[in-house]
Amino acid sequence: MTGRVCPVPGCGATARAGHAMCRNCWSMVPRESQRLVYGTWRAVRADRTMAAVVNYREALAQAVNNVLARPGDYDQRGAT
């Protein structure tokens, strides 16, 4: 599988190409935050402006923080 390491600290699983996170971590992100990540990524693809990139990175950082804030789920990450 091609991809990169999931951006969630401590995960270490592979995020598939074109995906923000590994499947396991992404499932822990609330739907509202997922929609924000998708929406900001579409804006990056359409606008290609630095402002769009900054918005996407902020949305992704919030999604990562959502995963890290899930109590008791830390040991289950990376088990995909």
Protein backbone atom coordinates (compact mmCIF):
# COMPACT_ATOMS: atom_id res chain seq x y z
CA MET A 1 0.00 0.00 0.00
CA THR A 2 1.36 3.40 -0.88
CA GLY A 3 0.81 6.34 1.37
CA ARG A 4 2.36 8.15 4.27
CA VAL A 5 2.39 7.88 8.04
CA CYS A 6 -0.83 8.96 9.75
CA PRO A 7 -0.40 12.49 11.19
CA VAL A 8 -1.80 11.51 14.59
CA PRO A 9 1.10 11.38 17.08
CA GLY A 10 1.67 7.86 18.33
CA CYS A 11 -0.34 6.18 15.58
CA GLY A 12 2.32 5.08 13.09
CA ALA A 13 -0.18 3.43 10.73
CA THR A 14 -0.17 4.15 7.01
CA ALA A 15 -2.61 6.71 5.66
CA ARG A 16 -3.55 5.70 2.13
CA ALA A 17 -2.62 8.04 -0.67
CA GLY A 18 -5.23 10.78 -0.91
CA HIS A 19 -6.44 10.28 2.66
CA ALA A 20 -5.89 12.67 5.56
CA MET A 21 -5.34 9.93 8.17
CA CYS A 22 -5.34 6.19 8.58
CA ARG A 23 -8.75 4.57 8.57
CA ASN A 24 -8.77 3.87 12.31
CA CYS A 25 -7.94 7.44 13.36
CA TRP A 26 -10.31 8.96 10.79
CA SER A 27 -13.16 6.94 12.29
CA MET A 28 -12.56 8.76 15.60
CA VAL A 29 -12.96 12.21 14.02
CA PRO A 30 -16.46 13.69 14.50
CA ARG A 31 -18.46 14.00 11.26
CA GLU A 32 -18.55 17.80 11.49
CA SER A 33 -14.77 17.93 11.64
CA GLN A 34 -14.52 15.43 8.77
CA ARG A 35 -16.75 17.64 6.64
CA LEU A 36 -14.57 20.64 7.46
CA VAL A 37 -11.41 18.78 6.40
CA TYR A 38 -13.08 17.67 3.14
CA GLY A 39 -14.41 21.15 2.43
CA THR A 40 -11.11 22.90 3.05
CA TRP A 41 -9.28 20.32 0.92
CA ARG A 42 -11.69 20.95 -1.95
CA ALA A 43 -10.96 24.67 -1.57
CA VAL A 44 -7.22 23.97 -1.82
CA ARG A 45 -7.78 21.99 -5.00
CA ALA A 46 -9.96 24.74 -6.49
CA ASP A 47 -8.21 27.91 -5.30
CA ARG A 48 -4.58 26.90 -4.82
CA THR A 49 -4.05 29.90 -2.57
CA MET A 50 -2.01 30.08 0.60
CA ALA A 51 -5.13 31.06 2.55
CA ALA A 52 -6.85 27.85 1.40
CA VAL A 53 -3.82 25.79 2.44
CA VAL A 54 -3.74 27.44 5.86
CA ASN A 55 -7.46 26.72 6.34
CA TYR A 56 -6.92 23.07 5.38
CA ARG A 57 -3.97 22.68 7.75
CA GLU A 58 -5.99 24.20 10.59
CA ALA A 59 -8.91 21.86 9.89
CA LEU A 60 -6.57 18.85 9.79
CA ALA A 61 -4.88 19.94 13.03
CA GLN A 62 -8.30 20.17 14.68
CA ALA A 63 -9.16 16.68 13.42
CA VAL A 64 -5.90 15.34 14.89
CA ASN A 65 -6.69 17.07 18.19
CA ASN A 66 -10.14 15.45 18.16
CA VAL A 67 -8.51 12.02 17.93
CA LEU A 68 -6.02 12.82 20.69
CA ALA A 69 -8.84 14.04 22.94
CA ARG A 70 -10.62 10.68 22.81
CA PRO A 71 -9.96 9.14 26.23
CA GLY A 72 -9.08 5.46 26.23
CA ASP A 73 -8.66 5.18 22.46
CA TYR A 74 -4.94 5.95 22.35
CA ASP A 75 -3.81 2.31 22.58
CA GLN A 76 -6.12 1.26 19.75
CA ARG A 77 -4.63 3.59 17.14
CA GLY A 78 -2.42 2.07 14.51
CA ALA A 79 -4.11 -1.30 14.77
CA THR A 80 -5.35 -1.23 11.17
